[in-house]
Amino acid sequence: MTPPDASSTSQPNQRIISVGADHAGFELKEFLKNSLENSGFEVIDVGCDSNNSVDYPDFGYKLTQTIESGRSPAGILCCGSGIGMAMAANRNPAIRAVVCSNNDDARMSRLHNNANVICFGQRFVSAPYALEILETFLNTPFEGERHQTRIDKLSAPPTPTSV
C-alpha cells in the first residue's frame, strides 16, 4: 500500500498517512490505523481519542492541514456516514475528499479525480471491508492527462460572474 502520488524515488514520506475521526468513526479509525502501522506506515493521528461526542469539522480540518503542509500525502477520515467529514475536508482547496463504500468508488476516485482523502462511514462499512477499499484507494494511481485540467480547476475555482 502506498499513499496517492507517492513514488519510491521522489517522496521520502511515501509511507506516511494521516487519520482522523469523530466519535462515530473512532473504532473504525483505530482499526485502520493499527492495520496501516502493522503494514509499515507512519500514521499521523489527528484524533479524536475516544467514543466521547466531538464535532467532526474540528478533526476534518486538522487532517487537511497535515496534507496542505506536506506532512502527509493522503488521509483517511471516519465518521458515522463519511459525509460530514468529506464536506469538512473539501472546504480546503488542497483536498479532494471522497466518501467510499466500495472498491469501484475508491478506484474511480483515484483514477479520474486524484482523491487524496478517503472518508468512511462506520455505520455503513465493516472494518475489514473498509481496509479492502482503502487498499484499492492506496494502490490505484491517478491517470493524469485529460483529468489533470479538471483537477486544476478544483484547486482554483473561477471567480463568480454575473448571470
C-alpha atoms as a PDB file:
ATOM      1  CA  MET A   1       0.000   0.000   0.000  1.00  0.00           C
ATOM      2  CA  THR A   2       1.329   3.405  -0.990  1.00  0.00           C
ATOM      3  CA  PRO A   3      -0.388   6.764  -0.453  1.00  0.00           C
ATOM      4  CA  PRO A   4      -1.620   8.608  -3.555  1.00  0.00           C
ATOM      5  CA  ASP A   5       1.042  10.320  -5.646  1.00  0.00           C
ATOM      6  CA  ALA A   6       3.899   8.751  -3.709  1.00  0.00           C
ATOM      7  CA  SER A   7       6.728   7.052  -5.545  1.00  0.00           C
ATOM      8  CA  SER A   8       9.652   5.231  -4.064  1.00  0.00           C
ATOM      9  CA  THR A   9      12.197   7.579  -5.642  1.00  0.00           C
ATOM     10  CA  SER A  10      10.644  11.017  -5.296  1.00  0.00           C
ATOM     11  CA  GLN A  11       8.929  11.318  -1.936  1.00  0.00           C
ATOM     12  CA  PRO A  12      10.607  10.471   1.346  1.00  0.00           C
ATOM     13  CA  ASN A  13       7.223  10.487   3.120  1.00  0.00           C
ATOM     14  CA  GLN A  14       5.645   7.866   0.863  1.00  0.00           C
ATOM     15  CA  ARG A  15       4.676   5.634   3.789  1.00  0.00           C
ATOM     16  CA  ILE A  16       3.029   8.375   5.826  1.00  0.00           C
ATOM     17  CA  ILE A  17      -0.729   8.807   6.052  1.00  0.00           C
ATOM     18  CA  SER A  18      -2.972  10.902   8.276  1.00  0.00           C
ATOM     19  CA  VAL A  19      -6.074   9.587  10.017  1.00  0.00           C
ATOM     20  CA  GLY A  20      -8.879  11.321  11.869  1.00  0.00           C
ATOM     21  CA  ALA A  21     -12.363  10.642  13.143  1.00  0.00           C
ATOM     22  CA  ASP A  22     -15.186  11.882  15.257  1.00  0.00           C
ATOM     23  CA  HIS A  23     -16.770   9.778  17.990  1.00  0.00           C
ATOM     24  CA  ALA A  24     -18.983   7.900  15.492  1.00  0.00           C
ATOM     25  CA  GLY A  25     -15.960   6.800  13.454  1.00  0.00           C
ATOM     26  CA  PHE A  26     -13.467   6.315  16.271  1.00  0.00           C
ATOM     27  CA  GLU A  27     -13.466   2.498  16.281  1.00  0.00           C
ATOM     28  CA  LEU A  28     -13.024   2.268  12.504  1.00  0.00           C
ATOM     29  CA  LYS A  29     -10.203   4.831  12.598  1.00  0.00           C
ATOM     30  CA  GLU A  30      -8.407   2.799  15.260  1.00  0.00           C
ATOM     31  CA  PHE A  31      -8.780  -0.416  13.231  1.00  0.00           C
ATOM     32  CA  LEU A  32      -7.438   1.206  10.060  1.00  0.00           C
ATOM     33  CA  LYS A  33      -4.640   2.966  11.942  1.00  0.00           C
ATOM     34  CA  ASN A  34      -3.462  -0.296  13.524  1.00  0.00           C
ATOM     35  CA  SER A  35      -3.652  -2.101  10.171  1.00  0.00           C
ATOM     36  CA  LEU A  36      -1.593   0.616   8.486  1.00  0.00           C
ATOM     37  CA  GLU A  37       1.013   0.663  11.259  1.00  0.00           C
ATOM     38  CA  ASN A  38       1.299  -3.118  11.002  1.00  0.00           C
ATOM     39  CA  SER A  39       1.936  -2.658   7.262  1.00  0.00           C
ATOM     40  CA  GLY A  40       4.827  -0.264   7.934  1.00  0.00           C
ATOM     41  CA  PHE A  41       3.080   3.088   7.616  1.00  0.00           C
ATOM     42  CA  GLU A  42       3.838   6.025   9.821  1.00  0.00           C
ATOM     43  CA  VAL A  43       0.395   7.234  10.862  1.00  0.00           C
ATOM     44  CA  ILE A  44      -0.335  10.801  11.896  1.00  0.00           C
ATOM     45  CA  ASP A  45      -3.409  10.566  14.128  1.00  0.00           C
ATOM     46  CA  VAL A  46      -5.194  13.917  14.484  1.00  0.00           C
ATOM     47  CA  GLY A  47      -7.868  12.468  16.796  1.00  0.00           C
ATOM     48  CA  CYS A  48     -10.349  12.002  18.228  1.00  0.00           C
ATOM     49  CA  ASP A  49      -9.204   9.723  21.024  1.00  0.00           C
ATOM     50  CA  SER A  50     -12.414   8.125  22.301  1.00  0.00           C
ATOM     51  CA  ASN A  51     -16.114   7.495  21.689  1.00  0.00           C
ATOM     52  CA  ASN A  52     -16.989  10.716  23.576  1.00  0.00           C
ATOM     53  CA  SER A  53     -19.014  13.147  21.484  1.00  0.00           C
ATOM     54  CA  VAL A  54     -16.968  15.684  19.486  1.00  0.00           C
ATOM     55  CA  ASP A  55     -17.547  17.958  16.494  1.00  0.00           C
ATOM     56  CA  TYR A  56     -16.425  16.313  13.250  1.00  0.00           C
ATOM     57  CA  PRO A  57     -15.310  19.536  11.469  1.00  0.00           C
ATOM     58  CA  ASP A  58     -12.544  20.049  14.035  1.00  0.00           C
ATOM     59  CA  PHE A  59     -10.902  16.754  13.084  1.00  0.00           C
ATOM     60  CA  GLY A  60     -11.569  17.081   9.373  1.00  0.00           C
ATOM     61  CA  TYR A  61      -9.819  20.455   9.367  1.00  0.00           C
ATOM     62  CA  LYS A  62      -6.871  19.127  11.399  1.00  0.00           C
ATOM     63  CA  LEU A  63      -6.321  16.308   8.933  1.00  0.00           C
ATOM     64  CA  THR A  64      -6.400  18.613   5.906  1.00  0.00           C
ATOM     65  CA  GLN A  65      -3.679  20.735   7.485  1.00  0.00           C
ATOM     66  CA  THR A  66      -1.320  17.731   7.537  1.00  0.00           C
ATOM     67  CA  ILE A  67      -1.786  17.319   3.785  1.00  0.00           C
ATOM     68  CA  GLU A  68      -1.682  21.007   2.895  1.00  0.00           C
ATOM     69  CA  SER A  69       1.542  21.445   4.901  1.00  0.00           C
ATOM     70  CA  GLY A  70       3.188  18.458   3.180  1.00  0.00           C
ATOM     71  CA  ARG A  71       3.489  16.345   6.332  1.00  0.00           C
ATOM     72  CA  SER A  72       1.325  13.667   4.720  1.00  0.00           C
ATOM     73  CA  PRO A  73       0.386  12.942   1.085  1.00  0.00           C
ATOM     74  CA  ALA A  74      -3.035  11.487   1.913  1.00  0.00           C
ATOM     75  CA  GLY A  75      -5.587  10.986   4.634  1.00  0.00           C
ATOM     76  CA  ILE A  76      -8.401   8.867   5.989  1.00  0.00           C
ATOM     77  CA  LEU A  77     -11.404  10.332   7.798  1.00  0.00           C
ATOM     78  CA  CYS A  78     -14.102   8.339   9.577  1.00  0.00           C
ATOM     79  CA  CYS A  79     -17.438   9.395  10.992  1.00  0.00           C
ATOM     80  CA  GLY A  80     -20.893   7.863  11.149  1.00  0.00           C
ATOM     81  CA  SER A  81     -21.646   8.251   7.439  1.00  0.00           C
ATOM     82  CA  GLY A  82     -18.419   9.676   5.970  1.00  0.00           C
ATOM     83  CA  ILE A  83     -20.417  12.555   4.517  1.00  0.00           C
ATOM     84  CA  GLY A  84     -19.783  15.184   7.190  1.00  0.00           C
ATOM     85  CA  MET A  85     -16.056  14.546   7.187  1.00  0.00           C
ATOM     86  CA  ALA A  86     -15.916  14.792   3.389  1.00  0.00           C
ATOM     87  CA  MET A  87     -17.797  18.091   3.498  1.00  0.00           C
ATOM     88  CA  ALA A  88     -15.425  19.480   6.125  1.00  0.00           C
ATOM     89  CA  ALA A  89     -12.298  18.303   4.301  1.00  0.00           C
ATOM     90  CA  ASN A  90     -13.416  19.607   0.925  1.00  0.00           C
ATOM     91  CA  ARG A  91     -13.586  23.165   2.256  1.00  0.00           C
ATOM     92  CA  ASN A  92      -9.787  23.177   1.853  1.00  0.00           C
ATOM     93  CA  PRO A  93      -8.837  23.770  -1.828  1.00  0.00           C
ATOM     94  CA  ALA A  94      -5.858  21.391  -1.498  1.00  0.00           C
ATOM     95  CA  ILE A  95      -8.154  18.497  -0.658  1.00  0.00           C
ATOM     96  CA  ARG A  96     -10.149  16.150  -2.853  1.00  0.00           C
ATOM     97  CA  ALA A  97     -12.062  14.048  -0.328  1.00  0.00           C
ATOM     98  CA  VAL A  98     -14.439  11.295  -1.327  1.00  0.00           C
ATOM     99  CA  VAL A  99     -16.794   9.014   0.572  1.00  0.00           C
ATOM    100  CA  CYS A 100     -16.192   5.415  -0.484  1.00  0.00           C
ATOM    101  CA  SER A 101     -18.391   2.458   0.291  1.00  0.00           C
ATOM    102  CA  ASN A 102     -16.987   0.045  -2.294  1.00  0.00           C
ATOM    103  CA  ASN A 103     -13.870  -0.674  -4.359  1.00  0.00           C
ATOM    104  CA  ASP A 104     -15.263   0.925  -7.519  1.00  0.00           C
ATOM    105  CA  ASP A 105     -15.734   4.240  -5.683  1.00  0.00           C
ATOM    106  CA  ALA A 106     -12.135   4.063  -4.446  1.00  0.00           C
ATOM    107  CA  ARG A 107     -10.674   3.124  -7.815  1.00  0.00           C
ATOM    108  CA  MET A 108     -12.520   5.805  -9.797  1.00  0.00           C
ATOM    109  CA  SER A 109     -11.843   8.496  -7.187  1.00  0.00           C
ATOM    110  CA  ARG A 110      -8.130   7.910  -7.713  1.00  0.00           C
ATOM    111  CA  LEU A 111      -8.077   7.244 -11.474  1.00  0.00           C
ATOM    112  CA  HIS A 112     -10.089  10.278 -12.549  1.00  0.00           C
ATOM    113  CA  ASN A 113     -10.261  12.610  -9.546  1.00  0.00           C
ATOM    114  CA  ASN A 114      -6.874  12.137  -7.885  1.00  0.00           C
ATOM    115  CA  ALA A 115      -8.601  11.991  -4.493  1.00  0.00           C
ATOM    116  CA  ASN A 116      -6.203  12.473  -1.611  1.00  0.00           C
ATOM    117  CA  VAL A 117      -8.592  11.837   1.289  1.00  0.00           C
ATOM    118  CA  ILE A 118     -10.861   8.835   1.650  1.00  0.00           C
ATOM    119  CA  CYS A 119     -13.832   9.044   4.014  1.00  0.00           C
ATOM    120  CA  PHE A 120     -15.671   6.129   5.569  1.00  0.00           C
ATOM    121  CA  GLY A 121     -18.968   5.803   7.387  1.00  0.00           C
ATOM    122  CA  GLN A 122     -18.522   3.419  10.315  1.00  0.00           C
ATOM    123  CA  ARG A 123     -22.282   2.803  10.333  1.00  0.00           C
ATOM    124  CA  PHE A 124     -22.244   1.539   6.743  1.00  0.00           C
ATOM    125  CA  VAL A 125     -18.905  -0.181   6.058  1.00  0.00           C
ATOM    126  CA  SER A 126     -17.429  -3.010   8.109  1.00  0.00           C
ATOM    127  CA  ALA A 127     -13.849  -2.612   9.274  1.00  0.00           C
ATOM    128  CA  PRO A 128     -12.451  -5.475   7.142  1.00  0.00           C
ATOM    129  CA  TYR A 129     -14.226  -4.170   4.038  1.00  0.00           C
ATOM    130  CA  ALA A 130     -13.050  -0.604   4.751  1.00  0.00           C
ATOM    131  CA  LEU A 131      -9.484  -1.928   4.817  1.00  0.00           C
ATOM    132  CA  GLU A 132     -10.024  -3.638   1.452  1.00  0.00           C
ATOM    133  CA  ILE A 133     -11.440  -0.403   0.000  1.00  0.00           C
ATOM    134  CA  LEU A 134      -8.523   1.540   1.467  1.00  0.00           C
ATOM    135  CA  GLU A 135      -6.035  -0.820  -0.179  1.00  0.00           C
ATOM    136  CA  THR A 136      -7.731  -0.204  -3.530  1.00  0.00           C
ATOM    137  CA  PHE A 137      -7.560   3.544  -2.916  1.00  0.00           C
ATOM    138  CA  LEU A 138      -3.880   3.476  -1.972  1.00  0.00           C
ATOM    139  CA  ASN A 139      -2.860   1.188  -4.825  1.00  0.00           C
ATOM    140  CA  THR A 140      -4.690   2.968  -7.650  1.00  0.00           C
ATOM    141  CA  PRO A 141      -2.654   5.598  -9.494  1.00  0.00           C
ATOM    142  CA  PHE A 142      -4.071   8.807 -10.942  1.00  0.00           C
ATOM    143  CA  GLU A 143      -4.388   8.587 -14.742  1.00  0.00           C
ATOM    144  CA  GLY A 144      -3.480  12.243 -15.234  1.00  0.00           C
ATOM    145  CA  GLU A 145      -3.644  13.618 -18.775  1.00  0.00           C
ATOM    146  CA  ARG A 146      -7.134  14.947 -19.565  1.00  0.00           C
ATOM    147  CA  HIS A 147      -8.142  14.596 -15.929  1.00  0.00           C
ATOM    148  CA  GLN A 148      -5.393  16.926 -14.695  1.00  0.00           C
ATOM    149  CA  THR A 149      -7.026  20.008 -16.239  1.00  0.00           C
ATOM    150  CA  ARG A 150     -10.201  19.216 -14.328  1.00  0.00           C
ATOM    151  CA  ILE A 151      -8.302  18.673 -11.084  1.00  0.00           C
ATOM    152  CA  ASP A 152      -6.554  22.022 -11.542  1.00  0.00           C
ATOM    153  CA  LYS A 153      -9.966  23.695 -11.787  1.00  0.00           C
ATOM    154  CA  LEU A 154     -10.981  22.190  -8.452  1.00  0.00           C
ATOM    155  CA  SER A 155      -7.967  23.763  -6.754  1.00  0.00           C
ATOM    156  CA  ALA A 156      -8.569  27.204  -8.282  1.00  0.00           C
ATOM    157  CA  PRO A 157     -12.286  27.663  -8.928  1.00  0.00           C
ATOM    158  CA  PRO A 158     -13.245  30.577 -11.180  1.00  0.00           C
ATOM    159  CA  THR A 159     -14.360  33.822  -9.671  1.00  0.00           C
ATOM    160  CA  PRO A 160     -18.134  34.349  -9.668  1.00  0.00           C
ATOM    161  CA  THR A 161     -19.577  36.096 -12.689  1.00  0.00           C
ATOM    162  CA  SER A 162     -22.929  37.694 -13.199  1.00  0.00           C
ATOM    163  CA  VAL A 163     -25.598  35.590 -14.847  1.00  0.00           C
END
